[in-house]
Amino acid sequence: MADLKVTIGKLELKNPVLTASGTFGYGSEFEDFIDLNSLGGVIVKGTTLEPREGNPYPRMAETPSGMLNAVGLQNKGIDIFVREIYPKIKHYRTNIIVNVSGSKIEDYVAVVEKLNDLDGIPAIELNISCPNVKTGGMAFGTSCASAAEVTKAVRKAYHKTLIVKLSPNVTDIAQIAQAVEAEGADSVSLINTLLGMAVDAETQRPVLSTITGGLSGPCIKPVALRMVWQVSKAVKIPVIGLGGIMNATDAVEFILAGATAVQVGTANFIDPAVSEKMVHGIHDYCLRHKVNSITEIIGALKT
């Protein structure tokens, strides 16, 4: 048996496979398809201080080798999460990680303060990179100064493992990663979606109600791989890779490029059991290549 355990800050994962926020609900929606306890962790949908209705429909569109979404962080807010949702998911024997978003820094801080006391939530993923909201979101992740500012404030308020999710819609993502590392981030996850759009030639109108949205799926994988490779060389903290990971081979490629763990996103819409299959596939890869521990191939790309 190959050892698939990895560590992100103080967080121990039984394997490097996580589910990406926004594509997996709160985890319970997938109970009929996979054993959630077999995963390294589940990152629940973006959670904000107040409930959000999200953007108007239409807010999803299929594109060649991918999809656009402009859901806009629809969620029930942190109070309902703590009161109604958390009791239903805290029993899982895996890491439940909450993706946290906000319109202003004070919102982020207020949310993480409410999460501090939840024993079943060992980590958060700070979303400073969502391109589908008009305020907050990606605005915090597009400059070193703003990314550092929100990370510093959350780090002061939050006492467990802090993962910061980075935007690819920047000039130099490595500099952003270094900025949040300097302010106490335990890990960075990348990439969030690329900003894109779709046009209906017959109606001569945008397909999405918001005109632009976040592009995900296999089409963004080469960009994501490049950015993971760059960032892993620029920071000392663990990097979590995501962007177009559809199978175990994709996951291994990200690990070779420098990712300690990976997130599965758009693939969940195609095959709801894909994340569990990915765990088995990574294990098979390790056996075939005589890898005793997955940590042996993190960043082992031969260049």
Foldseek 3Di string as FASTA:
>chain_A
DAQQWFDQQPQIFSHQEEADAPFCAQVPVLVVPAQQLLGREYEHHEAWAAADQFDDPPAKADDVQWIFGQRHRGDHHQVCCVVPVCVVPLPRNHAYEYEYWYQDLVGRLVNQLSVQPRPSHQEYEYAQDFPNHPGGGVVQQADLVSLLVSLLSNPVRHDGAYEYEHEPPYDANLSNLVSSVVSPHSEYEDDWFDKDWAADPVVRGTNGPVRIGGIAALVCLVVQLVNLLVNLVRDDHAYEGEGHDQALVSQLSSQLSAHSHYHDHPNCVVRVNRSSRNRVVVVVVCVVVVNRYSNVRRNNDDD
